[in-house]
Amino acid sequence: IASTEPFKREWESNLRQAVRKDIRRVVANPEDIRRYTVEFYQLASSVSKASGGQ
């Protein structure tokens, strides 16, 4: 899991419980996370439209 906040760790235990898996956190550049988030949601939207979704 990539994070831009290396010292904020409170959310990790909640995520571990939600996904029921161990996680490994890495620190990432905020601009990289923003770019990949936009790409992910654009791809998800394209797939949804191609499969007949909204």
Protein backbone atom coordinates (compact mmCIF):
# COMPACT_ATOMS: atom_id res chain seq x y z
CA ILE A 1 0.00 0.00 0.00
CA ALA A 2 1.46 3.37 -1.02
CA SER A 3 1.09 6.34 1.29
CA THR A 4 2.32 9.92 1.21
CA GLU A 5 2.20 10.17 5.01
CA PRO A 6 5.06 8.14 6.51
CA PHE A 7 4.18 8.99 10.12
CA LYS A 8 0.41 8.39 10.01
CA ARG A 9 -0.14 4.70 10.68
CA GLU A 10 -3.47 4.55 12.53
CA TRP A 11 -5.33 3.28 9.46
CA GLU A 12 -3.10 0.25 8.90
CA SER A 13 -4.75 -2.05 11.46
CA ASN A 14 -8.22 -1.17 10.13
CA LEU A 15 -7.15 -1.96 6.58
CA ARG A 16 -5.50 -5.21 7.65
CA GLN A 17 -8.76 -6.31 9.28
CA ALA A 18 -10.86 -5.22 6.29
CA VAL A 19 -8.81 -7.10 3.68
CA ARG A 20 -7.83 -9.94 6.04
CA LYS A 21 -4.29 -9.91 4.70
CA ASP A 22 -0.94 -8.60 5.77
CA ILE A 23 -0.04 -5.31 4.15
CA ARG A 24 3.28 -3.69 3.40
CA ARG A 25 3.30 0.09 3.38
CA VAL A 26 5.64 2.12 1.20
CA VAL A 27 6.10 5.87 0.99
CA ALA A 28 5.32 7.33 -2.40
CA ASN A 29 5.50 10.68 -4.12
CA PRO A 30 2.11 12.46 -3.80
CA GLU A 31 2.14 13.35 -7.51
CA ASP A 32 2.63 9.69 -8.45
CA ILE A 33 -0.33 8.64 -6.31
CA ARG A 34 -2.50 11.37 -7.85
CA ARG A 35 -1.52 10.33 -11.39
CA TYR A 36 -2.14 6.62 -10.77
CA THR A 37 -5.46 7.33 -9.03
CA VAL A 38 -6.69 9.28 -12.06
CA GLU A 39 -5.50 6.51 -14.42
CA PHE A 40 -7.18 3.82 -12.32
CA TYR A 41 -10.56 5.54 -12.23
CA GLN A 42 -10.43 6.38 -15.94
CA LEU A 43 -9.73 2.73 -16.73
CA ALA A 44 -12.48 1.55 -14.37
CA SER A 45 -14.94 3.93 -16.03
CA SER A 46 -13.96 2.72 -19.50
CA VAL A 47 -14.38 -0.93 -18.49
CA SER A 48 -17.76 -0.18 -16.92
CA LYS A 49 -18.99 1.61 -20.05
CA ALA A 50 -17.68 -1.17 -22.31
CA SER A 51 -19.56 -3.78 -20.29
CA GLY A 52 -22.82 -1.84 -20.47
CA GLY A 53 -22.60 -0.06 -17.12
CA GLN A 54 -23.19 3.60 -16.43
